[in-house]
Amino acid sequence: MKKVTYRNAGVDVEKGDAFVQAIKPIVESTFRPEVLTKIGGFAGCVSLNLERYKKPILVSSTDGVGTKLKVAFRMDRHDTVGIDLVAMCANDIIVSGAKPLFLLDYFATSKLDTEKSMKVVSGIVKGCIEAECSLIGGETAEMPGFYKAGEYDLAGFVVGIVEDSQFIDGSNVTVGDKLIGIASSGLHSNGYSLVRKLLLDRHQMALEKRVEEIGGILGEELLRPTRIYVKTILNLTRDFHIGGIAHITGGGITGNLPRIIPKGCKAIVHRGSWSIHPIFSFLKEKGKISEEEMLRTFNNGIGMILIVRPKEVEDILDRLNSLGEKSYIIGEVEKTEREQETIAFI
């Protein structure tokens, strides 16, 4: 009888160790001065330089890429989903005004494909550099029989820091404030279960084919990386008073903007006040999706919403333009007597 080993059970420990050694140089390129450990230890350690903070707050978030990965599998393109991972985590903490410090990733697959996995990690590294965040470690797990051959899952966890006096939670939002929308790069990483069901299952569309309505290759559009807003938001919070920031992720504007609207206030969003990327119009028409369903599923061209004082609106728009961001005045905050009514589209 053949001897049973971990390797012939489907887990190659030596290959995993070699992979960790292979990614060390690119991962360590993300290290900030505060990182104390090298890749390969049991834990990642970061020193908190608290001299510049009087009352620091640590802010954390965890997320994944979701079923957008299914598109990556079908396209056999794996160099962008890591950017999505960093974006989905970092964008969630930047809304609090927190500067990302470090990220840990979790990569699990049925059988480790070194070349494919390197591409995934290279995307994470690229995202971390864009977010000025250190990738201090993670977990690479081979799980034979758990995932389909050639597939993997990807998740992450980020920690950031912000001074208490600069913490943003929406509590300073007040009646008369204006809503500024910052453009998204496309679908980002939400709504892909609907996208795949509509375009790939129902309409059997080929990811490799050009679609005139969106002006490009379908698969490339669906894999367009999520925009990382860290540098932009930190630039703004340095000089302007931002009452609240909403990351328009899963749930769209409908589900995310109310999360930062205080009691007694209602966000009024003006339909048609911003440019909508062709992919959203294409999806809406192709699936005969209602306006309400679009607004609670996709970002519809707005990746972040800032709530600001009226007197700073023009200066903020000028700053966003100088930073290369497309931005729009998309609404305002009004008073409401109905506690459950925190958002309205007009």
Protein backbone atom coordinates (compact mmCIF):
# COMPACT_ATOMS: atom_id res chain seq x y z
CA MET A 1 0.00 0.00 0.00
CA LYS A 2 1.30 3.45 -0.95
CA LYS A 3 2.37 5.57 1.99
CA VAL A 4 0.01 8.50 2.62
CA THR A 5 1.68 11.91 2.81
CA TYR A 6 0.45 15.49 2.97
CA ARG A 7 1.73 16.03 -0.58
CA ASN A 8 -0.19 13.17 -2.16
CA ALA A 9 -3.23 14.35 -0.20
CA GLY A 10 -2.95 17.51 -2.26
CA VAL A 11 -0.95 19.92 -0.11
CA ASP A 12 2.63 20.72 -1.17
CA VAL A 13 4.25 22.42 1.84
CA GLU A 14 7.60 22.85 0.09
CA LYS A 15 5.95 24.57 -2.85
CA GLY A 16 4.11 26.87 -0.47
CA ASP A 17 7.33 27.77 1.33
CA ALA A 18 9.03 28.48 -2.00
CA PHE A 19 6.13 30.73 -2.99
CA VAL A 20 6.51 32.77 0.21
CA GLN A 21 10.22 33.21 -0.52
CA ALA A 22 9.44 34.23 -4.11
CA ILE A 23 7.03 36.99 -3.13
CA LYS A 24 9.18 38.44 -0.33
CA PRO A 25 10.95 41.10 -2.44
CA ILE A 26 7.76 42.59 -3.91
CA VAL A 27 5.83 42.37 -0.65
CA GLU A 28 8.60 44.04 1.33
CA SER A 29 8.61 46.88 -1.22
CA THR A 30 5.38 48.03 0.46
CA PHE A 31 6.92 48.23 3.94
CA ARG A 32 6.66 51.55 5.75
CA PRO A 33 9.40 52.41 8.31
CA GLU A 34 7.10 51.24 11.12
CA VAL A 35 7.16 47.59 9.96
CA LEU A 36 9.33 45.55 12.32
CA THR A 37 9.12 42.03 10.90
CA LYS A 38 10.03 40.30 7.67
CA ILE A 39 7.73 38.12 5.58
CA GLY A 40 7.67 34.50 6.74
CA GLY A 41 7.18 34.89 10.49
CA PHE A 42 4.15 33.90 12.53
CA ALA A 43 2.84 37.47 12.72
CA GLY A 44 3.41 40.89 11.25
CA CYS A 45 4.47 43.59 13.66
CA VAL A 46 4.12 47.35 13.24
CA SER A 47 5.39 50.03 15.60
CA LEU A 48 2.92 52.83 16.27
CA ASN A 49 4.71 56.18 16.22
CA LEU A 50 2.32 57.99 18.50
CA GLU A 51 4.37 61.15 19.03
CA ARG A 52 2.38 62.97 16.35
CA TYR A 53 -0.95 61.84 17.84
CA LYS A 54 -2.58 63.19 20.99
CA LYS A 55 -5.52 60.79 21.01
CA PRO A 56 -5.15 58.21 18.22
CA ILE A 57 -7.97 55.96 17.02
CA LEU A 58 -7.28 52.67 15.25
CA VAL A 59 -9.73 51.95 12.42
CA SER A 60 -10.07 48.54 10.78
CA SER A 61 -12.05 46.81 8.06
CA THR A 62 -12.15 43.46 6.31
CA ASP A 63 -13.48 42.57 2.87
CA GLY A 64 -13.03 40.39 -0.19
CA VAL A 65 -13.32 40.64 -3.96
CA GLY A 66 -16.52 38.61 -4.23
CA THR A 67 -17.74 36.94 -7.39
CA LYS A 68 -15.74 39.32 -9.56
CA LEU A 69 -13.17 36.56 -9.13
CA LYS A 70 -15.32 34.35 -11.38
CA VAL A 71 -14.71 36.79 -14.22
CA ALA A 72 -10.96 36.66 -13.53
CA PHE A 73 -11.07 32.85 -13.70
CA ARG A 74 -12.88 32.86 -17.04
CA MET A 75 -10.56 35.50 -18.48
CA ASP A 76 -7.52 33.79 -16.90
CA ARG A 77 -6.36 37.23 -15.80
CA HIS A 78 -5.24 37.60 -12.22
CA ASP A 79 -3.19 40.80 -11.98
CA THR A 80 -6.01 43.20 -11.08
CA VAL A 81 -8.11 41.46 -8.40
CA GLY A 82 -5.46 42.20 -5.78
CA ILE A 83 -5.97 45.92 -6.44
CA ASP A 84 -9.70 45.37 -5.85
CA LEU A 85 -8.94 43.70 -2.53
CA VAL A 86 -6.87 46.61 -1.24
CA ALA A 87 -9.39 49.14 -2.54
CA MET A 88 -12.39 47.50 -0.89
CA CYS A 89 -10.62 47.44 2.48
CA ALA A 90 -8.79 50.79 2.33
CA ASN A 91 -11.79 52.73 0.98
CA ASP A 92 -13.84 51.53 3.93
CA ILE A 93 -11.48 53.08 6.49
CA ILE A 94 -10.57 56.25 4.61
CA VAL A 95 -14.18 57.41 5.05
CA SER A 96 -13.30 57.84 8.75
CA GLY A 97 -10.29 59.95 7.80
CA ALA A 98 -7.98 57.10 8.79
CA LYS A 99 -4.64 56.66 7.05
CA PRO A 100 -4.09 52.94 6.22
CA LEU A 101 -1.10 51.44 8.03
CA PHE A 102 -1.03 47.79 7.07
CA LEU A 103 -2.95 45.02 5.34
CA LEU A 104 -3.05 41.24 5.76
CA ASP A 105 -4.35 39.04 2.96
CA TYR A 106 -5.87 35.55 2.82
CA PHE A 107 -5.39 33.58 -0.39
CA ALA A 108 -6.88 30.08 -0.55
CA THR A 109 -6.91 27.71 -3.48
CA SER A 110 -7.33 24.03 -4.30
CA LYS A 111 -3.76 23.65 -5.62
CA LEU A 112 -1.12 26.36 -5.57
CA ASP A 113 -0.28 27.65 -9.03
CA THR A 114 2.84 29.73 -8.42
CA GLU A 115 2.63 31.81 -11.59
CA LYS A 116 -1.04 32.65 -11.11
CA SER A 117 -0.58 33.34 -7.40
CA MET A 118 2.34 35.68 -8.09
CA LYS A 119 0.07 37.73 -10.34
CA VAL A 120 -2.54 37.97 -7.59
CA VAL A 121 0.03 39.11 -5.05
CA SER A 122 1.54 41.59 -7.50
CA GLY A 123 -1.91 43.21 -7.71
CA ILE A 124 -2.15 43.40 -3.92
CA VAL A 125 1.29 45.01 -3.82
CA LYS A 126 0.30 47.54 -6.48
CA GLY A 127 -2.84 48.40 -4.51
CA CYS A 128 -0.90 48.76 -1.25
CA ILE A 129 1.59 51.11 -2.86
CA GLU A 130 -1.30 53.21 -4.21
CA ALA A 131 -2.90 53.26 -0.74
CA GLU A 132 0.48 53.88 0.96
CA CYS A 133 -0.19 50.81 3.05
CA SER A 134 2.22 48.02 4.07
CA LEU A 135 1.42 44.40 3.18
CA ILE A 136 2.91 42.86 6.31
CA GLY A 137 1.81 39.25 5.85
CA GLY A 138 -1.06 36.93 5.21
CA GLU A 139 -2.03 33.33 4.67
CA THR A 140 -1.65 31.14 1.59
CA ALA A 141 -3.73 27.99 1.98
CA GLU A 142 -3.92 24.92 -0.25
CA MET A 143 -7.29 23.24 0.29
CA PRO A 144 -7.72 20.34 -2.14
CA GLY A 145 -11.33 19.31 -2.67
CA PHE A 146 -12.64 22.56 -1.23
CA TYR A 147 -12.26 24.83 -4.27
CA LYS A 148 -12.69 23.98 -7.94
CA ALA A 149 -9.48 23.33 -9.84
CA GLY A 150 -7.91 26.62 -10.92
CA GLU A 151 -10.05 28.74 -8.62
CA TYR A 152 -9.23 30.63 -5.43
CA ASP A 153 -10.67 33.02 -2.86
CA LEU A 154 -9.19 36.29 -1.75
CA ALA A 155 -9.87 38.34 1.36
CA GLY A 156 -8.09 41.02 3.34
CA PHE A 157 -7.94 42.97 6.57
CA VAL A 158 -6.64 46.53 6.93
CA VAL A 159 -5.79 48.72 9.93
CA GLY A 160 -5.41 52.50 9.87
CA ILE A 161 -5.01 55.38 12.28
CA VAL A 162 -6.60 58.80 12.72
CA GLU A 163 -6.38 61.57 15.33
CA ASP A 164 -9.55 61.75 17.43
CA SER A 165 -10.12 65.40 16.50
CA GLN A 166 -9.99 64.47 12.78
CA PHE A 167 -12.22 61.39 13.01
CA ILE A 168 -15.13 61.52 10.54
CA ASP A 169 -18.37 59.70 11.39
CA GLY A 170 -21.15 61.89 10.00
CA SER A 171 -22.07 63.40 13.38
CA ASN A 172 -21.10 66.87 12.12
CA VAL A 173 -23.38 66.66 9.08
CA THR A 174 -26.01 69.39 9.22
CA VAL A 175 -28.92 70.78 7.25
CA GLY A 176 -27.73 72.81 4.25
CA ASP A 177 -24.58 70.76 3.65
CA LYS A 178 -23.84 69.79 0.06
CA LEU A 179 -23.17 66.35 -1.43
CA ILE A 180 -20.14 65.98 -3.68
CA GLY A 181 -19.83 62.74 -5.64
CA ILE A 182 -16.41 61.49 -6.75
CA ALA A 183 -16.50 59.34 -9.87
CA SER A 184 -15.93 55.61 -9.78
CA SER A 185 -13.77 53.76 -12.31
CA GLY A 186 -16.68 51.49 -13.23
CA LEU A 187 -18.40 48.64 -11.44
CA HIS A 188 -15.69 48.41 -8.79
CA SER A 189 -16.30 45.09 -6.96
CA ASN A 190 -20.04 44.98 -6.31
CA GLY A 191 -23.10 43.57 -8.02
CA TYR A 192 -21.20 40.87 -9.88
CA SER A 193 -23.66 38.11 -9.06
CA LEU A 194 -26.28 40.09 -10.98
CA VAL A 195 -23.81 41.04 -13.73
CA ARG A 196 -22.77 37.42 -14.29
CA LYS A 197 -26.33 36.10 -14.20
CA LEU A 198 -27.46 38.72 -16.70
CA LEU A 199 -24.57 38.88 -19.17
CA LEU A 200 -22.89 35.48 -18.91
CA ASP A 201 -25.76 33.15 -18.03
CA ARG A 202 -28.86 34.69 -19.60
CA HIS A 203 -27.30 36.38 -22.64
CA GLN A 204 -24.30 34.04 -22.98
CA MET A 205 -22.02 36.95 -23.84
CA ALA A 206 -18.35 36.28 -24.62
CA LEU A 207 -15.96 38.07 -22.29
CA GLU A 208 -13.34 38.31 -25.05
CA LYS A 209 -15.60 40.18 -27.46
CA ARG A 210 -15.80 43.94 -27.94
CA VAL A 211 -19.12 45.49 -26.97
CA GLU A 212 -19.78 48.73 -28.82
CA GLU A 213 -22.18 50.04 -26.19
CA ILE A 214 -19.39 50.11 -23.59
CA GLY A 215 -16.60 50.95 -26.02
CA GLY A 216 -14.33 48.02 -25.23
CA ILE A 217 -13.79 44.34 -24.47
CA LEU A 218 -16.46 43.09 -22.06
CA GLY A 219 -14.09 41.10 -19.85
CA GLU A 220 -11.65 43.99 -19.57
CA GLU A 221 -14.43 46.32 -18.50
CA LEU A 222 -15.69 43.86 -15.90
CA LEU A 223 -12.15 43.46 -14.53
CA ARG A 224 -11.44 47.19 -14.39
CA PRO A 225 -9.91 47.68 -10.90
CA THR A 226 -11.72 49.45 -8.10
CA ARG A 227 -10.50 53.01 -7.62
CA ILE A 228 -8.47 53.65 -4.47
CA TYR A 229 -9.38 57.02 -2.93
CA VAL A 230 -6.88 57.14 -0.05
CA LYS A 231 -4.53 59.85 -1.33
CA THR A 232 -7.43 61.99 -2.53
CA ILE A 233 -9.34 61.90 0.76
CA LEU A 234 -6.24 62.49 2.89
CA ASN A 235 -5.38 65.46 0.73
CA LEU A 236 -8.86 66.93 1.28
CA THR A 237 -9.07 66.29 5.02
CA ARG A 238 -5.78 68.11 5.51
CA ASP A 239 -7.31 71.42 4.41
CA PHE A 240 -11.09 71.14 4.46
CA HIS A 241 -13.87 70.30 6.90
CA ILE A 242 -15.57 67.11 5.72
CA GLY A 243 -18.71 66.34 7.69
CA GLY A 244 -19.17 62.82 6.38
CA ILE A 245 -17.94 60.43 3.71
CA ALA A 246 -19.76 57.42 2.25
CA HIS A 247 -18.02 54.65 0.32
CA ILE A 248 -20.52 53.63 -2.36
CA THR A 249 -20.00 49.89 -2.30
CA GLY A 250 -22.47 46.97 -1.99
CA GLY A 251 -25.96 48.46 -1.64
CA GLY A 252 -25.21 51.44 -3.88
CA ILE A 253 -26.05 55.02 -2.96
CA THR A 254 -29.39 53.85 -1.52
CA GLY A 255 -27.76 51.60 1.06
CA ASN A 256 -24.57 53.46 1.89
CA LEU A 257 -25.28 57.19 2.02
CA PRO A 258 -27.86 56.86 4.86
CA ARG A 259 -25.16 55.28 7.05
CA ILE A 260 -23.65 58.73 7.68
CA ILE A 261 -26.86 60.81 7.82
CA PRO A 262 -27.66 61.86 11.41
CA LYS A 263 -31.09 61.89 13.00
CA GLY A 264 -33.29 64.72 11.79
CA CYS A 265 -31.52 64.98 8.44
CA LYS A 266 -32.23 63.62 4.98
CA ALA A 267 -29.90 63.39 1.97
CA ILE A 268 -31.47 64.68 -1.25
CA VAL A 269 -29.78 63.17 -4.32
CA HIS A 270 -30.41 64.75 -7.72
CA ARG A 271 -30.76 62.15 -10.46
CA GLY A 272 -28.84 63.03 -13.60
CA SER A 273 -26.41 65.35 -11.82
CA TRP A 274 -23.38 63.22 -12.68
CA SER A 275 -22.00 61.35 -15.68
CA ILE A 276 -22.81 57.64 -15.75
CA HIS A 277 -20.28 55.20 -17.17
CA PRO A 278 -21.61 53.29 -20.21
CA ILE A 279 -21.41 49.93 -18.39
CA PHE A 280 -24.28 50.95 -16.11
CA SER A 281 -26.54 52.08 -18.94
CA PHE A 282 -25.68 48.87 -20.79
CA LEU A 283 -26.61 46.68 -17.82
CA LYS A 284 -29.82 48.59 -17.16
CA GLU A 285 -30.97 48.23 -20.76
CA LYS A 286 -29.80 44.64 -21.21
CA GLY A 287 -31.57 43.44 -18.09
CA LYS A 288 -34.46 45.88 -18.08
CA ILE A 289 -33.35 46.75 -14.55
CA SER A 290 -35.37 49.40 -12.73
CA GLU A 291 -33.80 52.66 -11.62
CA GLU A 292 -34.39 51.72 -7.98
CA GLU A 293 -32.69 48.35 -8.42
CA MET A 294 -29.71 50.00 -10.12
CA LEU A 295 -29.32 52.50 -7.28
CA ARG A 296 -29.37 49.84 -4.57
CA THR A 297 -27.08 47.39 -6.38
CA PHE A 298 -24.36 49.37 -8.20
CA ASN A 299 -22.37 52.55 -7.57
CA ASN A 300 -23.72 53.96 -10.88
CA GLY A 301 -20.61 56.05 -11.47
CA ILE A 302 -20.10 57.47 -7.95
CA GLY A 303 -17.44 55.81 -5.79
CA MET A 304 -17.41 58.22 -2.85
CA ILE A 305 -19.80 60.88 -1.56
CA LEU A 306 -18.52 63.76 0.55
CA ILE A 307 -20.81 65.88 2.72
CA VAL A 308 -19.34 69.38 3.02
CA ARG A 309 -20.13 72.93 4.04
CA PRO A 310 -21.59 75.08 1.22
CA LYS A 311 -18.83 77.69 1.52
CA GLU A 312 -16.13 75.08 0.74
CA VAL A 313 -17.83 73.37 -2.20
CA GLU A 314 -16.08 75.25 -5.01
CA ASP A 315 -12.64 75.00 -3.41
CA ILE A 316 -13.11 71.25 -2.87
CA LEU A 317 -14.23 70.76 -6.47
CA ASP A 318 -11.16 72.69 -7.67
CA ARG A 319 -8.91 70.55 -5.49
CA LEU A 320 -10.50 67.33 -6.74
CA ASN A 321 -10.04 68.48 -10.32
CA SER A 322 -6.35 69.23 -9.66
CA LEU A 323 -5.99 65.70 -8.25
CA GLY A 324 -7.39 64.22 -11.45
CA GLU A 325 -10.74 63.25 -9.94
CA LYS A 326 -14.05 63.78 -11.72
CA SER A 327 -16.51 65.20 -9.21
CA TYR A 328 -20.03 66.59 -9.13
CA ILE A 329 -22.42 68.42 -6.84
CA ILE A 330 -25.12 65.75 -6.58
CA GLY A 331 -27.39 66.97 -3.79
CA GLU A 332 -27.77 68.46 -0.35
CA VAL A 333 -28.89 67.72 3.20
CA GLU A 334 -32.36 68.76 4.31
CA LYS A 335 -34.30 68.56 7.54
CA THR A 336 -36.78 65.73 8.03
CA GLU A 337 -39.35 64.94 10.68
CA ARG A 338 -39.59 61.31 9.61
CA GLU A 339 -36.84 59.33 11.33
CA GLN A 340 -36.85 56.49 8.79
CA GLU A 341 -36.54 58.84 5.81
CA THR A 342 -32.79 59.45 5.44
CA ILE A 343 -32.48 59.62 1.65
CA ALA A 344 -34.57 60.71 -1.31
CA PHE A 345 -33.87 60.80 -5.05
CA ILE A 346 -35.44 63.61 -7.06
